[in-house]
Amino acid sequence: MEKTLFDDLVQSLKEAKDISKGKAKASRRFEITPPDVKALREQIGLSQSEFARLMRVSIKTLQNWEQHRRNPTGPAAALLKIVLTAPDVVLKSLHA
């Protein structure tokens, strides 16, 4: 490994340590608010089983999202954002 790359990595680790101990502030921070899956499902008028089938997840997974025991991640989170933005397009596309 090149010395400059190694030095950059060491510096980054020192900064991360300082941030985790509250000695420094992070240069940027992202807050992601998970969607209200239950409200979204009710908004488009589907039952839990219908919505779970649409999302290609188990009913138990959907219930965990609705009761905030778990949060959707990855493709499921992206699809939920699309459902929120354009439910008619999603319903038309996924029911086809």
N, C-alpha and C. Protein backbone atom coordinates (compact mmCIF):
# COMPACT_ATOMS: atom_id res chain seq x y z
N MET A 1 0.85 -1.18 0.00
CA MET A 1 0.00 0.00 0.00
C MET A 1 0.89 1.24 0.00
N GLU A 2 0.52 2.21 -0.79
CA GLU A 2 1.28 3.45 -0.85
C GLU A 2 1.24 4.16 0.50
N LYS A 3 2.32 4.80 0.83
CA LYS A 3 2.42 5.50 2.12
C LYS A 3 1.35 6.59 2.25
N THR A 4 1.10 7.35 1.19
CA THR A 4 0.11 8.43 1.30
C THR A 4 -1.30 7.87 1.53
N LEU A 5 -1.62 6.76 0.87
CA LEU A 5 -2.92 6.13 1.07
C LEU A 5 -3.05 5.62 2.50
N PHE A 6 -2.00 4.99 2.98
CA PHE A 6 -2.00 4.49 4.35
C PHE A 6 -2.17 5.63 5.34
N ASP A 7 -1.44 6.72 5.13
CA ASP A 7 -1.54 7.88 6.03
C ASP A 7 -2.95 8.47 6.02
N ASP A 8 -3.57 8.51 4.82
CA ASP A 8 -4.95 9.00 4.73
C ASP A 8 -5.91 8.11 5.51
N LEU A 9 -5.71 6.81 5.41
CA LEU A 9 -6.57 5.87 6.16
C LEU A 9 -6.40 6.03 7.66
N VAL A 10 -5.19 6.16 8.10
CA VAL A 10 -4.92 6.36 9.54
C VAL A 10 -5.57 7.65 10.02
N GLN A 11 -5.45 8.72 9.24
CA GLN A 11 -6.06 9.99 9.60
C GLN A 11 -7.58 9.86 9.68
N SER A 12 -8.16 9.14 8.72
CA SER A 12 -9.61 8.94 8.73
C SER A 12 -10.05 8.18 9.97
N LEU A 13 -9.29 7.18 10.36
CA LEU A 13 -9.63 6.42 11.57
C LEU A 13 -9.53 7.29 12.82
N LYS A 14 -8.54 8.15 12.87
CA LYS A 14 -8.41 9.07 14.02
C LYS A 14 -9.60 10.02 14.07
N GLU A 15 -10.02 10.53 12.91
CA GLU A 15 -11.18 11.42 12.86
C GLU A 15 -12.44 10.69 13.29
N ALA A 16 -12.60 9.45 12.83
CA ALA A 16 -13.78 8.65 13.20
C ALA A 16 -13.81 8.42 14.71
N LYS A 17 -12.68 8.16 15.28
CA LYS A 17 -12.59 7.95 16.73
C LYS A 17 -12.99 9.22 17.48
N ASP A 18 -12.49 10.36 17.03
CA ASP A 18 -12.84 11.63 17.67
C ASP A 18 -14.34 11.93 17.55
N ILE A 19 -14.91 11.63 16.40
CA ILE A 19 -16.34 11.85 16.19
C ILE A 19 -17.15 10.94 17.11
N SER A 20 -16.75 9.68 17.21
CA SER A 20 -17.51 8.74 18.05
C SER A 20 -17.42 9.10 19.53
N LYS A 21 -16.34 9.75 19.94
CA LYS A 21 -16.18 10.15 21.34
C LYS A 21 -16.72 11.55 21.62
N GLY A 22 -17.25 12.21 20.58
CA GLY A 22 -17.82 13.54 20.75
C GLY A 22 -16.80 14.66 20.77
N LYS A 23 -15.57 14.37 20.41
CA LYS A 23 -14.52 15.39 20.39
C LYS A 23 -14.53 16.21 19.11
N ALA A 24 -15.19 15.68 18.08
CA ALA A 24 -15.29 16.37 16.80
C ALA A 24 -16.68 16.14 16.23
N LYS A 25 -17.10 17.04 15.35
CA LYS A 25 -18.39 16.88 14.70
C LYS A 25 -18.20 16.26 13.32
N ALA A 26 -19.17 15.47 12.92
CA ALA A 26 -19.12 14.86 11.60
C ALA A 26 -19.27 15.96 10.54
N SER A 27 -18.61 15.77 9.42
CA SER A 27 -18.68 16.80 8.37
C SER A 27 -20.07 16.84 7.74
N ARG A 28 -20.77 15.71 7.74
CA ARG A 28 -22.15 15.68 7.26
C ARG A 28 -22.88 14.55 7.96
N ARG A 29 -24.16 14.73 8.04
CA ARG A 29 -24.99 13.76 8.75
C ARG A 29 -26.27 13.56 7.96
N PHE A 30 -26.67 12.30 7.83
CA PHE A 30 -27.88 11.98 7.09
C PHE A 30 -28.91 11.40 8.04
N GLU A 31 -30.11 11.92 7.98
CA GLU A 31 -31.22 11.39 8.76
C GLU A 31 -32.24 10.85 7.77
N ILE A 32 -32.49 9.58 7.86
CA ILE A 32 -33.44 8.95 6.96
C ILE A 32 -34.67 8.56 7.76
N THR A 33 -35.79 9.12 7.37
CA THR A 33 -37.04 8.83 8.05
C THR A 33 -37.72 7.67 7.32
N PRO A 34 -37.91 6.56 8.02
CA PRO A 34 -38.58 5.44 7.36
C PRO A 34 -40.03 5.78 7.05
N PRO A 35 -40.56 5.25 5.96
CA PRO A 35 -41.95 5.57 5.60
C PRO A 35 -42.93 4.94 6.59
N ASP A 36 -44.09 5.55 6.72
CA ASP A 36 -45.16 4.97 7.54
C ASP A 36 -45.86 3.95 6.65
N VAL A 37 -45.41 2.71 6.74
CA VAL A 37 -45.87 1.66 5.84
C VAL A 37 -47.36 1.41 5.98
N LYS A 38 -47.86 1.44 7.21
CA LYS A 38 -49.28 1.18 7.42
C LYS A 38 -50.14 2.26 6.75
N ALA A 39 -49.77 3.51 6.95
CA ALA A 39 -50.52 4.62 6.34
C ALA A 39 -50.45 4.54 4.82
N LEU A 40 -49.28 4.18 4.31
CA LEU A 40 -49.11 4.05 2.87
C LEU A 40 -50.00 2.93 2.31
N ARG A 41 -50.00 1.79 3.01
CA ARG A 41 -50.83 0.67 2.58
C ARG A 41 -52.31 1.04 2.60
N GLU A 42 -52.73 1.69 3.67
CA GLU A 42 -54.13 2.09 3.79
C GLU A 42 -54.50 3.14 2.75
N GLN A 43 -53.55 4.02 2.42
CA GLN A 43 -53.79 5.06 1.43
C GLN A 43 -54.11 4.47 0.06
N ILE A 44 -53.44 3.37 -0.29
CA ILE A 44 -53.72 2.78 -1.59
C ILE A 44 -54.81 1.71 -1.51
N GLY A 45 -55.32 1.47 -0.32
CA GLY A 45 -56.50 0.63 -0.16
C GLY A 45 -56.27 -0.86 -0.29
N LEU A 46 -55.13 -1.35 0.17
CA LEU A 46 -54.87 -2.79 0.11
C LEU A 46 -54.82 -3.39 1.50
N SER A 47 -55.22 -4.64 1.60
CA SER A 47 -55.11 -5.37 2.87
C SER A 47 -53.63 -5.72 3.10
N GLN A 48 -53.32 -6.19 4.30
CA GLN A 48 -51.94 -6.57 4.58
C GLN A 48 -51.47 -7.67 3.63
N SER A 49 -52.31 -8.67 3.41
CA SER A 49 -51.90 -9.78 2.55
C SER A 49 -51.71 -9.31 1.10
N GLU A 50 -52.58 -8.42 0.63
CA GLU A 50 -52.44 -7.91 -0.74
C GLU A 50 -51.17 -7.07 -0.88
N PHE A 51 -50.93 -6.22 0.11
CA PHE A 51 -49.75 -5.35 0.04
C PHE A 51 -48.47 -6.16 0.17
N ALA A 52 -48.47 -7.16 1.05
CA ALA A 52 -47.30 -8.02 1.20
C ALA A 52 -47.01 -8.75 -0.11
N ARG A 53 -48.04 -9.23 -0.75
CA ARG A 53 -47.88 -9.91 -2.04
C ARG A 53 -47.33 -8.94 -3.09
N LEU A 54 -47.85 -7.73 -3.11
CA LEU A 54 -47.38 -6.70 -4.04
C LEU A 54 -45.90 -6.41 -3.82
N MET A 55 -45.49 -6.30 -2.55
CA MET A 55 -44.11 -5.98 -2.21
C MET A 55 -43.18 -7.20 -2.27
N ARG A 56 -43.77 -8.38 -2.44
CA ARG A 56 -43.01 -9.63 -2.48
C ARG A 56 -42.30 -9.91 -1.15
N VAL A 57 -43.02 -9.64 -0.04
CA VAL A 57 -42.50 -9.93 1.30
C VAL A 57 -43.55 -10.73 2.05
N SER A 58 -43.15 -11.34 3.14
CA SER A 58 -44.11 -12.09 3.96
C SER A 58 -45.00 -11.11 4.73
N ILE A 59 -46.14 -11.60 5.14
CA ILE A 59 -47.05 -10.77 5.95
C ILE A 59 -46.35 -10.39 7.25
N LYS A 60 -45.59 -11.31 7.82
CA LYS A 60 -44.87 -11.04 9.07
C LYS A 60 -43.89 -9.87 8.89
N THR A 61 -43.19 -9.86 7.77
CA THR A 61 -42.27 -8.74 7.49
C THR A 61 -43.04 -7.43 7.41
N LEU A 62 -44.14 -7.46 6.68
CA LEU A 62 -44.97 -6.25 6.56
C LEU A 62 -45.46 -5.79 7.93
N GLN A 63 -45.90 -6.71 8.76
CA GLN A 63 -46.38 -6.36 10.11
C GLN A 63 -45.25 -5.76 10.93
N ASN A 64 -44.05 -6.30 10.79
CA ASN A 64 -42.90 -5.73 11.51
C ASN A 64 -42.62 -4.30 11.06
N TRP A 65 -42.77 -4.02 9.77
CA TRP A 65 -42.60 -2.66 9.28
C TRP A 65 -43.68 -1.75 9.83
N GLU A 66 -44.93 -2.23 9.78
CA GLU A 66 -46.05 -1.40 10.22
C GLU A 66 -45.99 -1.10 11.71
N GLN A 67 -45.45 -2.02 12.49
CA GLN A 67 -45.38 -1.82 13.94
C GLN A 67 -44.03 -1.27 14.37
N HIS A 68 -43.22 -0.86 13.40
CA HIS A 68 -41.93 -0.21 13.63
C HIS A 68 -40.95 -1.07 14.43
N ARG A 69 -41.10 -2.39 14.32
CA ARG A 69 -40.11 -3.28 14.92
C ARG A 69 -38.91 -3.42 13.99
N ARG A 70 -39.15 -3.23 12.72
CA ARG A 70 -38.10 -3.26 11.70
C ARG A 70 -38.39 -2.17 10.68
N ASN A 71 -37.35 -1.79 9.95
CA ASN A 71 -37.51 -0.80 8.89
C ASN A 71 -37.14 -1.43 7.55
N PRO A 72 -37.90 -1.13 6.51
CA PRO A 72 -37.54 -1.65 5.20
C PRO A 72 -36.20 -1.09 4.75
N THR A 73 -35.43 -1.91 4.08
CA THR A 73 -34.11 -1.49 3.59
C THR A 73 -33.97 -1.87 2.12
N GLY A 74 -32.95 -1.37 1.50
CA GLY A 74 -32.59 -1.75 0.14
C GLY A 74 -33.72 -1.56 -0.86
N PRO A 75 -33.93 -2.56 -1.71
CA PRO A 75 -34.95 -2.45 -2.75
C PRO A 75 -36.36 -2.23 -2.21
N ALA A 76 -36.66 -2.81 -1.06
CA ALA A 76 -38.00 -2.62 -0.47
C ALA A 76 -38.22 -1.16 -0.10
N ALA A 77 -37.21 -0.52 0.49
CA ALA A 77 -37.33 0.89 0.86
C ALA A 77 -37.48 1.75 -0.39
N ALA A 78 -36.73 1.41 -1.44
CA ALA A 78 -36.84 2.17 -2.69
C ALA A 78 -38.23 2.00 -3.30
N LEU A 79 -38.74 0.77 -3.30
CA LEU A 79 -40.07 0.53 -3.87
C LEU A 79 -41.14 1.26 -3.07
N LEU A 80 -41.01 1.28 -1.76
CA LEU A 80 -41.98 2.00 -0.92
C LEU A 80 -41.97 3.50 -1.24
N LYS A 81 -40.79 4.04 -1.50
CA LYS A 81 -40.71 5.45 -1.87
C LYS A 81 -41.42 5.70 -3.20
N ILE A 82 -41.28 4.76 -4.12
CA ILE A 82 -41.97 4.89 -5.40
C ILE A 82 -43.48 4.76 -5.21
N VAL A 83 -43.90 3.83 -4.34
CA VAL A 83 -45.34 3.68 -4.04
C VAL A 83 -45.88 4.98 -3.47
N LEU A 84 -45.12 5.61 -2.60
CA LEU A 84 -45.54 6.87 -1.99
C LEU A 84 -45.67 7.97 -3.04
N THR A 85 -44.74 8.00 -3.98
CA THR A 85 -44.71 9.05 -5.00
C THR A 85 -45.72 8.83 -6.12
N ALA A 86 -45.82 7.58 -6.58
CA ALA A 86 -46.68 7.30 -7.74
C ALA A 86 -47.40 5.95 -7.56
N PRO A 87 -48.35 5.89 -6.62
CA PRO A 87 -49.00 4.61 -6.35
C PRO A 87 -49.72 4.01 -7.55
N ASP A 88 -50.31 4.86 -8.39
CA ASP A 88 -51.03 4.34 -9.55
C ASP A 88 -50.09 3.63 -10.52
N VAL A 89 -48.90 4.18 -10.71
CA VAL A 89 -47.91 3.57 -11.60
C VAL A 89 -47.45 2.23 -11.04
N VAL A 90 -47.19 2.19 -9.74
CA VAL A 90 -46.72 0.95 -9.10
C VAL A 90 -47.82 -0.12 -9.18
N LEU A 91 -49.02 0.24 -8.85
CA LEU A 91 -50.11 -0.75 -8.89
C LEU A 91 -50.31 -1.28 -10.31
N LYS A 92 -50.26 -0.40 -11.29
CA LYS A 92 -50.44 -0.81 -12.67
C LYS A 92 -49.29 -1.71 -13.10
N SER A 93 -48.07 -1.35 -12.72
CA SER A 93 -46.88 -2.10 -13.13
C SER A 93 -46.79 -3.47 -12.46
N LEU A 94 -47.04 -3.50 -11.17
CA LEU A 94 -46.85 -4.75 -10.42
C LEU A 94 -48.03 -5.69 -10.50
N HIS A 95 -49.18 -5.21 -10.85
CA HIS A 95 -50.35 -6.09 -11.00
C HIS A 95 -50.42 -6.69 -12.39
N ALA A 96 -49.58 -6.19 -13.30
CA ALA A 96 -49.62 -6.66 -14.70
C ALA A 96 -49.09 -8.08 -14.82
